[in-house]
Amino acid sequence: MFNKLIAALLPFHSRLVSASSPASLSRACRVLGPGPGSMEPAAVRCVAGEPKMTISFRVDGSHKHMQREQDEPLGKVLSRIACTLAKGKKKAKRSAGQQQQQQAAAADSPEPAVVKLYVDGSEVRETVLNAEAWRDGAVLQLGDVRYAVRRNEPAFTTAELPGSLLAGFPVCPKLEVEFGELDRCDLTWYKEKSPNCSAKGGGGGEEESAPDALWTQVGGARVYVPSNGDIGCRLKLVCTPKDEGGRQGRVEELLSAGAVEAGPGACTFDGRHAYTAGETAWPRLRLVSYNILADVYAQTELSKTLLYPYCAPYALQQDYRQNLIKKELAGYRADIVCLQEVDKGVFSDSLTPALDAFGLDGVFKLKEKQHEGLATFYRRTRWKLLSSHDITLSEALTSDPAHARLLEGVSANRALRDETAKRSTALQVSVLEDLQRAGRKVCVANTHLYWHPQGGNVRLVQMGVALRHLSLVMGQVAPGAPLIFCGDFNSSPSSGVLQLVTEGTLSRQHADWRGGEDGPAPSWSAMDLTSPFPPLLSACGPLAYTNYVGGFQGCLDYIFIQPQRMRVEQVVPMPAHRLVTAHTALPSVAHPSDHIALVCDLRWDP
């Protein structure tokens, strides 16, 4: 029906463009417009298994984006495009001040445009379904303009620059590409030739149409580190998506919201990077465990007035702290990174793109009813994630028969059971395989135990569940593999948790079972605990502090290993005490968290 209508209204054009042979199409092209090399693109996204497809193109300076069913006949979408073009022309006439002529022609329908699709020079039948019709390399004709169809071409689904830029700190864009390979994309960095020069042009087309006039190329890698010479200048990133075959998609230009600012100068972690100048190789591996202070806790009134009153407000802001965290983590060149207090948005929007740029992949475990959780990153050229076995400790205690004996003991005190049940404490368990030695596996556990100073008995229950779960996982999926257990255990070296882990047993007489004055349980809830593992070793040894704030300095963070299967090669020294105290306490303008990262090199036991 659509072709008959076109033929009746435009017989000459219909005969011209409906020729089916390549030679006829070539003759038509010479009449209708420019050659193939200068055709406009029409992007088509059509993925098997999805009911709909999208068609995007520009016409008369306006971007058109259509969503259609994949199993719809081609004729319907061509008819819809023709109507859309006709409406556009009608609207243009109104805006040109031709109201009288429009009223006089109100009875006449707008002349439909010639809309056809060609594959290999032949017109595609209207009855062909969209999923088959819109092939890569097809030609879409809209009136006297032709478009080269690019089906499932590489495209950025996410392309963003961070909000805060500091001199000396890596700028890691958030980039996600579909139908392409991020490592193959072309990335070019520019900075303004003079501070705020792009703003003089009104932030409009001049800076986009003539980038060389206002911008200087400064880099061509995934990450750019601004220098002091960039302070006061904005940055621009030009991104060209590409796939493995060399196809490229639409270029994206990202302009920073603000200019590069001066950094804080010397940071507490700068000296530590001297010990981690290179990556490790078999049989060594480098571990980092770090509580990075969730933004949901850094921005509370308690934090601002009691915990960190010495800290400048801007230094507690998430964007500022993320700059420091990303630089610190990148400088450790770790194989495995276990993080605690990771905001959900920080994991997806900041840490993942940043650490991906430095060669690390990550997995995330969100605490139930919380906005933060645990993250484990691993170097993808060294490790392969085989499986994850994450749990919420309170749920596992009450639902997994493996913990029946512990649950029976805890249930003797309803207050302790209720308090334990309220906690959303999680255990993240990742089984990794070393790509440099096929078959060599390691089980990496990451947790953040209950925080309350008088909640030692809750932490004991949580640790009992964690150790039992780890034993079962390793027996089932990684027998013989070494265990690495990282985290913020909120436990001092003299605590019951440390005794259970490093000695293998805990007596019911331990003081932690009593709780505090306002703790959740009296002494009669005590029980003997036994670890399913032989005594574990604290890889970083006894430390004076891993948490340093006003009113408290102590060791709460640990990396535990099995000394029978791994040994410690190097412990990266903690920041000098004078450097820490020079900032009064942490976090500060030169350190992003109230905790300090644990960093050590381990070696597989022969």
Foldseek 3Di string as FASTA:
>chain_A
DVLVVLCVVPVVVSVQCQDFDQVSNVVSLVVLDDDPVPAFAWEKEDDPPDQKIWIWGDDPNDIDIDIDGQQAFQLVVQVVVQVVVQVVVLVVCVVVVNVVVCVVCVVPRRDTADWFKADPRGTDDRRDGNNPRQDQQIWIDTHSGIHGYHYFFKDWPDWAWFQAAEAQFKTAIDTDITSADPVPKWKWKKKFPDAPPCVVVVVDDPCVVPVVVTIDTDDTARIDHHHPVQARIKMKMWIWTAHPVGGTDDIDIYIHPGGYHYAPPDFLQPVLLVVQVDADDPQKFKEKEEALAALVVCPDPCNCPPWPVLADPVLSDPSLLLRLVLRNVLSNNGQKYKYFNAFPCCVNRPVQSSVVSSQKHKDWDDQPPDRTGMMMIGRVVFKDWDDKDKDFQLCCCPPPVLNVVVNVLQVVAVLLNVVLNVDSWMKIWTWMATPVDPPAIEIEIETADDQDPQALLSLVSSLLSVLSVVVVVCVVPNPPHKYKYWYQSNDACPGQSVCCQQQFKGALPGPSCCTDPPYRDHSVSGDIGGGPDHHWDFQQPADQAFFKTVPDGGHGITITIHVVFKHFDDWRDRRDPVVQCVQVADDYSNHRHRGHMTMTMMGTDD
